[in-house]
C-alpha atoms as a PDB file:
ATOM      1  CA  UNK A   1     -81.362  -9.830 -14.415  1.00  0.00           C
ATOM      2  CA  UNK A   2     -84.421  -9.390 -15.856  1.00  0.00           C
ATOM      3  CA  UNK A   3     -85.756  -8.281 -12.153  1.00  0.00           C
ATOM      4  CA  UNK A   4     -83.094  -5.492 -11.735  1.00  0.00           C
ATOM      5  CA  UNK A   5     -83.426  -4.126 -15.169  1.00  0.00           C
ATOM      6  CA  UNK A   6     -87.182  -3.516 -13.949  1.00  0.00           C
ATOM      7  CA  UNK A   7     -86.275  -1.814 -10.863  1.00  0.00           C
ATOM      8  CA  UNK A   8     -83.638   0.568 -12.760  1.00  0.00           C
ATOM      9  CA  UNK A   9     -86.405   1.241 -15.290  1.00  0.00           C
ATOM     10  CA  UNK A  10     -88.996   2.185 -12.703  1.00  0.00           C
ATOM     11  CA  UNK A  11     -86.315   4.281 -10.185  1.00  0.00           C
ATOM     12  CA  UNK A  12     -85.655   6.056 -13.312  1.00  0.00           C
ATOM     13  CA  UNK A  13     -89.392   6.528 -14.365  1.00  0.00           C
ATOM     14  CA  UNK A  14     -89.856   7.851 -10.759  1.00  0.00           C
ATOM     15  CA  UNK A  15     -87.332  10.020 -10.800  1.00  0.00           C
ATOM     16  CA  UNK A  16     -88.299  11.585 -13.772  1.00  0.00           C
ATOM     17  CA  UNK A  17     -91.663  11.765 -12.825  1.00  0.00           C
ATOM     18  CA  UNK A  18     -90.660  13.780  -9.545  1.00  0.00           C
ATOM     19  CA  UNK A  19     -88.212  16.251 -11.791  1.00  0.00           C
ATOM     20  CA  UNK A  20     -91.416  16.853 -14.106  1.00  0.00           C
ATOM     21  CA  UNK A  21     -94.019  17.744 -11.077  1.00  0.00           C
ATOM     22  CA  UNK A  22     -91.576  19.805  -9.695  1.00  0.00           C
ATOM     23  CA  UNK A  23     -91.255  21.856 -12.548  1.00  0.00           C
ATOM     24  CA  UNK A  24     -94.135  24.440 -13.954  1.00  0.00           C
ATOM     25  CA  UNK A  25     -94.121  25.780 -17.676  1.00  0.00           C
ATOM     26  CA  UNK A  26     -95.274  28.875 -18.233  1.00  0.00           C
ATOM     27  CA  UNK A  27     -99.003  28.893 -19.159  1.00  0.00           C
ATOM     28  CA  UNK A  28    -101.004  32.017 -19.060  1.00  0.00           C
ATOM     29  CA  UNK A  29    -104.160  30.401 -17.614  1.00  0.00           C
ATOM     30  CA  UNK A  30    -102.385  28.854 -14.599  1.00  0.00           C
ATOM     31  CA  UNK A  31    -101.018  30.960 -12.493  1.00  0.00           C
ATOM     32  CA  UNK A  32     -98.846  30.217  -9.519  1.00  0.00           C
ATOM     33  CA  UNK A  33     -99.875  29.766  -6.205  1.00  0.00           C
ATOM     34  CA  UNK A  34     -98.784  29.563  -2.544  1.00  0.00           C
ATOM     35  CA  UNK A  35     -98.487  25.686  -2.926  1.00  0.00           C
ATOM     36  CA  UNK A  36     -96.293  26.052  -5.583  1.00  0.00           C
ATOM     37  CA  UNK A  37     -93.674  27.130  -3.387  1.00  0.00           C
ATOM     38  CA  UNK A  38     -92.264  23.902  -1.628  1.00  0.00           C
ATOM     39  CA  UNK A  39     -88.582  25.132  -0.530  1.00  0.00           C
ATOM     40  CA  UNK A  40     -88.037  25.366   2.637  1.00  0.00           C
ATOM     41  CA  UNK A  41     -87.040  29.232   3.613  1.00  0.00           C
ATOM     42  CA  UNK A  42     -84.035  29.698   4.929  1.00  0.00           C
ATOM     43  CA  UNK A  43     -85.051  31.407   8.231  1.00  0.00           C
ATOM     44  CA  UNK A  44     -88.456  31.394   9.552  1.00  0.00           C
ATOM     45  CA  UNK A  45     -87.559  33.560  12.689  1.00  0.00           C
ATOM     46  CA  UNK A  46     -88.022  37.044  12.959  1.00  0.00           C
ATOM     47  CA  UNK A  47     -90.268  39.390  10.752  1.00  0.00           C
ATOM     48  CA  UNK A  48     -88.843  38.373   7.462  1.00  0.00           C
ATOM     49  CA  UNK A  49     -90.213  39.236   4.420  1.00  0.00           C
ATOM     50  CA  UNK A  50     -89.358  37.699   0.683  1.00  0.00           C
ATOM     51  CA  UNK A  51     -89.158  34.751  -1.630  1.00  0.00           C
ATOM     52  CA  UNK A  52     -86.981  32.716  -4.169  1.00  0.00           C
ATOM     53  CA  UNK A  53     -89.229  32.460  -7.269  1.00  0.00           C
ATOM     54  CA  UNK A  54     -87.016  29.931  -9.633  1.00  0.00           C
ATOM     55  CA  UNK A  55     -87.628  30.892 -12.611  1.00  0.00           C
ATOM     56  CA  UNK A  56     -85.742  30.403 -15.769  1.00  0.00           C
ATOM     57  CA  UNK A  57     -85.474  29.823 -19.821  1.00  0.00           C
ATOM     58  CA  UNK A  58     -84.877  26.137 -20.406  1.00  0.00           C
ATOM     59  CA  UNK A  59     -83.319  25.708 -24.108  1.00  0.00           C
ATOM     60  CA  UNK A  60     -82.230  22.703 -25.420  1.00  0.00           C
ATOM     61  CA  UNK A  61     -82.413  20.443 -28.625  1.00  0.00           C
ATOM     62  CA  UNK A  62     -81.183  17.084 -29.607  1.00  0.00           C
ATOM     63  CA  UNK A  63     -81.509  16.417 -33.792  1.00  0.00           C
ATOM     64  CA  UNK A  64     -79.196  15.451 -36.457  1.00  0.00           C
ATOM     65  CA  UNK A  65     -77.226  17.597 -38.333  1.00  0.00           C
ATOM     66  CA  UNK A  66     -79.788  17.325 -41.007  1.00  0.00           C
ATOM     67  CA  UNK A  67     -82.432  17.966 -38.745  1.00  0.00           C
ATOM     68  CA  UNK A  68     -80.682  20.819 -37.628  1.00  0.00           C
ATOM     69  CA  UNK A  69     -80.384  22.585 -41.374  1.00  0.00           C
ATOM     70  CA  UNK A  70     -83.763  22.533 -42.035  1.00  0.00           C
ATOM     71  CA  UNK A  71     -85.032  23.567 -38.981  1.00  0.00           C
ATOM     72  CA  UNK A  72     -86.082  27.232 -38.408  1.00  0.00           C
ATOM     73  CA  UNK A  73     -88.706  27.063 -35.627  1.00  0.00           C
ATOM     74  CA  UNK A  74     -87.234  26.235 -32.257  1.00  0.00           C
ATOM     75  CA  UNK A  75     -90.370  27.554 -30.540  1.00  0.00           C
ATOM     76  CA  UNK A  76     -91.125  24.050 -28.513  1.00  0.00           C
ATOM     77  CA  UNK A  77     -87.532  23.875 -27.679  1.00  0.00           C
ATOM     78  CA  UNK A  78     -87.603  27.004 -25.505  1.00  0.00           C
ATOM     79  CA  UNK A  79     -89.660  27.300 -22.192  1.00  0.00           C
ATOM     80  CA  UNK A  80     -90.110  29.298 -19.411  1.00  0.00           C
ATOM     81  CA  UNK A  81     -90.463  27.196 -16.025  1.00  0.00           C
ATOM     82  CA  UNK A  82     -90.650  27.769 -12.588  1.00  0.00           C
ATOM     83  CA  UNK A  83     -89.023  25.163 -10.115  1.00  0.00           C
ATOM     84  CA  UNK A  84     -91.055  24.424  -7.259  1.00  0.00           C
ATOM     85  CA  UNK A  85     -88.851  22.643  -5.001  1.00  0.00           C
ATOM     86  CA  UNK A  86     -86.438  25.188  -5.394  1.00  0.00           C
ATOM     87  CA  UNK A  87     -88.913  28.407  -4.785  1.00  0.00           C
ATOM     88  CA  UNK A  88     -90.131  29.530  -1.512  1.00  0.00           C
ATOM     89  CA  UNK A  89     -92.311  32.362   0.713  1.00  0.00           C
ATOM     90  CA  UNK A  90     -91.330  34.130   3.760  1.00  0.00           C
ATOM     91  CA  UNK A  91     -93.851  36.294   5.157  1.00  0.00           C
ATOM     92  CA  UNK A  92     -95.606  37.101   8.498  1.00  0.00           C
ATOM     93  CA  UNK A  93     -99.341  37.242   6.784  1.00  0.00           C
ATOM     94  CA  UNK A  94    -101.225  35.740   4.733  1.00  0.00           C
ATOM     95  CA  UNK A  95    -101.634  38.903   2.564  1.00  0.00           C
ATOM     96  CA  UNK A  96     -97.645  39.341   2.471  1.00  0.00           C
ATOM     97  CA  UNK A  97     -97.801  35.999   0.873  1.00  0.00           C
ATOM     98  CA  UNK A  98    -100.126  36.681  -2.011  1.00  0.00           C
ATOM     99  CA  UNK A  99     -97.837  39.940  -2.663  1.00  0.00           C
ATOM    100  CA  UNK A 100     -95.266  37.436  -2.284  1.00  0.00           C
ATOM    101  CA  UNK A 101     -96.725  35.336  -5.180  1.00  0.00           C
ATOM    102  CA  UNK A 102     -98.064  38.019  -7.481  1.00  0.00           C
ATOM    103  CA  UNK A 103     -94.497  39.848  -7.079  1.00  0.00           C
ATOM    104  CA  UNK A 104     -93.519  35.764  -8.616  1.00  0.00           C
ATOM    105  CA  UNK A 105     -96.034  35.423 -10.823  1.00  0.00           C
ATOM    106  CA  UNK A 106     -94.656  38.623 -12.271  1.00  0.00           C
ATOM    107  CA  UNK A 107     -91.339  37.490 -12.586  1.00  0.00           C
ATOM    108  CA  UNK A 108     -92.610  34.665 -14.265  1.00  0.00           C
ATOM    109  CA  UNK A 109     -94.264  36.271 -16.875  1.00  0.00           C
ATOM    110  CA  UNK A 110     -90.833  38.473 -17.538  1.00  0.00           C
ATOM    111  CA  UNK A 111     -89.474  35.598 -17.731  1.00  0.00           C
ATOM    112  CA  UNK A 112     -91.989  33.976 -20.369  1.00  0.00           C
ATOM    113  CA  UNK A 113     -91.518  37.670 -22.419  1.00  0.00           C
ATOM    114  CA  UNK A 114     -88.139  37.053 -22.456  1.00  0.00           C
ATOM    115  CA  UNK A 115     -88.542  33.317 -23.953  1.00  0.00           C
ATOM    116  CA  UNK A 116     -90.802  34.803 -26.783  1.00  0.00           C
ATOM    117  CA  UNK A 117     -88.059  37.597 -27.457  1.00  0.00           C
ATOM    118  CA  UNK A 118     -85.221  34.442 -27.155  1.00  0.00           C
ATOM    119  CA  UNK A 119     -87.811  32.057 -29.688  1.00  0.00           C
ATOM    120  CA  UNK A 120     -88.125  35.482 -31.944  1.00  0.00           C
ATOM    121  CA  UNK A 121     -84.108  35.819 -32.502  1.00  0.00           C
ATOM    122  CA  UNK A 122     -83.672  32.311 -32.834  1.00  0.00           C
ATOM    123  CA  UNK A 123     -86.564  32.188 -36.073  1.00  0.00           C
ATOM    124  CA  UNK A 124     -85.128  35.728 -37.643  1.00  0.00           C
ATOM    125  CA  UNK A 125     -81.330  34.417 -37.066  1.00  0.00           C
ATOM    126  CA  UNK A 126     -81.097  30.727 -38.068  1.00  0.00           C
ATOM    127  CA  UNK A 127     -79.499  30.142 -41.528  1.00  0.00           C
ATOM    128  CA  UNK A 128     -79.532  26.974 -43.264  1.00  0.00           C
ATOM    129  CA  UNK A 129     -75.716  27.024 -42.493  1.00  0.00           C
ATOM    130  CA  UNK A 130     -75.807  28.333 -39.023  1.00  0.00           C
ATOM    131  CA  UNK A 131     -73.980  26.051 -36.839  1.00  0.00           C
ATOM    132  CA  UNK A 132     -75.490  24.633 -33.608  1.00  0.00           C
ATOM    133  CA  UNK A 133     -73.617  27.712 -31.743  1.00  0.00           C
ATOM    134  CA  UNK A 134     -75.814  30.062 -33.252  1.00  0.00           C
ATOM    135  CA  UNK A 135     -77.961  31.027 -30.535  1.00  0.00           C
ATOM    136  CA  UNK A 136     -75.388  31.803 -27.873  1.00  0.00           C
ATOM    137  CA  UNK A 137     -74.362  35.298 -28.271  1.00  0.00           C
ATOM    138  CA  UNK A 138     -78.314  36.348 -28.471  1.00  0.00           C
ATOM    139  CA  UNK A 139     -79.078  33.831 -25.207  1.00  0.00           C
ATOM    140  CA  UNK A 140     -76.554  35.945 -22.956  1.00  0.00           C
ATOM    141  CA  UNK A 141     -77.450  39.334 -24.493  1.00  0.00           C
ATOM    142  CA  UNK A 142     -81.170  38.451 -23.467  1.00  0.00           C
ATOM    143  CA  UNK A 143     -80.248  36.906 -20.087  1.00  0.00           C
ATOM    144  CA  UNK A 144     -78.580  40.083 -19.296  1.00  0.00           C
ATOM    145  CA  UNK A 145     -81.734  41.951 -20.279  1.00  0.00           C
ATOM    146  CA  UNK A 146     -84.224  39.673 -18.241  1.00  0.00           C
ATOM    147  CA  UNK A 147     -81.563  40.147 -15.091  1.00  0.00           C
ATOM    148  CA  UNK A 148     -81.966  43.638 -15.442  1.00  0.00           C
ATOM    149  CA  UNK A 149     -85.579  43.883 -15.667  1.00  0.00           C
ATOM    150  CA  UNK A 150     -86.323  41.640 -13.135  1.00  0.00           C
ATOM    151  CA  UNK A 151     -83.878  43.829 -10.962  1.00  0.00           C
ATOM    152  CA  UNK A 152     -85.668  46.779 -11.722  1.00  0.00           C
ATOM    153  CA  UNK A 153     -89.331  45.468 -10.712  1.00  0.00           C
ATOM    154  CA  UNK A 154     -87.752  43.715  -7.447  1.00  0.00           C
ATOM    155  CA  UNK A 155     -86.708  47.948  -6.718  1.00  0.00           C
ATOM    156  CA  UNK A 156     -89.492  49.625  -8.233  1.00  0.00           C
ATOM    157  CA  UNK A 157     -92.223  47.257  -6.449  1.00  0.00           C
ATOM    158  CA  UNK A 158     -90.346  46.826  -3.168  1.00  0.00           C
ATOM    159  CA  UNK A 159     -90.858  42.940  -3.629  1.00  0.00           C
ATOM    160  CA  UNK A 160     -94.459  42.987  -4.423  1.00  0.00           C
ATOM    161  CA  UNK A 161     -95.405  45.022  -1.642  1.00  0.00           C
ATOM    162  CA  UNK A 162     -96.437  48.370  -4.327  1.00  0.00           C
ATOM    163  CA  UNK A 163     -99.399  46.504  -5.098  1.00  0.00           C
ATOM    164  CA  UNK A 164    -100.186  48.819  -7.385  1.00  0.00           C
ATOM    165  CA  UNK A 165     -96.976  49.688  -9.341  1.00  0.00           C
ATOM    166  CA  UNK A 166     -96.648  45.748  -9.188  1.00  0.00           C
ATOM    167  CA  UNK A 167    -100.115  45.783 -11.038  1.00  0.00           C
ATOM    168  CA  UNK A 168     -98.656  48.296 -13.932  1.00  0.00           C
ATOM    169  CA  UNK A 169     -95.654  46.272 -14.344  1.00  0.00           C
ATOM    170  CA  UNK A 170     -97.376  43.332 -15.027  1.00  0.00           C
ATOM    171  CA  UNK A 171    -100.030  44.740 -17.404  1.00  0.00           C
ATOM    172  CA  UNK A 172     -97.592  46.295 -19.260  1.00  0.00           C
ATOM    173  CA  UNK A 173     -95.327  42.841 -19.251  1.00  0.00           C
ATOM    174  CA  UNK A 174     -98.432  40.735 -20.138  1.00  0.00           C
ATOM    175  CA  UNK A 175     -99.478  43.380 -23.303  1.00  0.00           C
ATOM    176  CA  UNK A 176     -95.657  42.876 -24.495  1.00  0.00           C
ATOM    177  CA  UNK A 177     -96.088  39.069 -24.470  1.00  0.00           C
ATOM    178  CA  UNK A 178     -99.200  39.278 -26.279  1.00  0.00           C
ATOM    179  CA  UNK A 179     -97.631  41.522 -29.264  1.00  0.00           C
ATOM    180  CA  UNK A 180     -94.936  37.975 -29.370  1.00  0.00           C
ATOM    181  CA  UNK A 181     -98.193  35.953 -29.899  1.00  0.00           C
ATOM    182  CA  UNK A 182     -96.163  34.051 -32.622  1.00  0.00           C
ATOM    183  CA  UNK A 183     -93.539  33.254 -30.410  1.00  0.00           C
ATOM    184  CA  UNK A 184     -95.570  30.980 -27.845  1.00  0.00           C
ATOM    185  CA  UNK A 185     -94.183  27.501 -27.013  1.00  0.00           C
ATOM    186  CA  UNK A 186     -96.329  25.901 -29.672  1.00  0.00           C
ATOM    187  CA  UNK A 187     -96.935  28.526 -31.956  1.00  0.00           C
ATOM    188  CA  UNK A 188     -95.304  28.669 -35.517  1.00  0.00           C
ATOM    189  CA  UNK A 189     -94.434  32.099 -36.388  1.00  0.00           C
ATOM    190  CA  UNK A 190     -95.355  33.328 -39.801  1.00  0.00           C
ATOM    191  CA  UNK A 191     -92.772  33.447 -42.143  1.00  0.00           C
END
């Protein structure tokens, strides 16, 4: 029985470990690389150019009702993540691959920007007697804004092919991220 329990625990550890390696949490110091796009593209034939940058905002917390009532800072409960095993690139040249990586990095940066906006709103709107669903409307509103911003970037940069416009947009996004420096993943906002 002990043998099977150890095997089960080892298997769970392996699954958890492989899932952890497939996710990258946003960091201003670790840009995306071609090797981060691990999913197989839908088609490799012809002159195709495109990508799937699986970026998302993960939010979750598990705490007692008493802890929830006393918690104001949810920064470390909100993460901007890039999922490697569901992201892919399709390009004919190395230059095109680099354009797609730069485009994907911009999308990842925008995801972090909206994660910070979400953290800020959680901090500002969480009251002592808020119920555990207080964040739902904020999350939905910001998700719509994020999607609209991503669509704009895709169109304005022609999926990263307009490198000058992409650089301009990314510079603006990074400036907005800097303005929300109190709302980084491991920051404590000023009261």
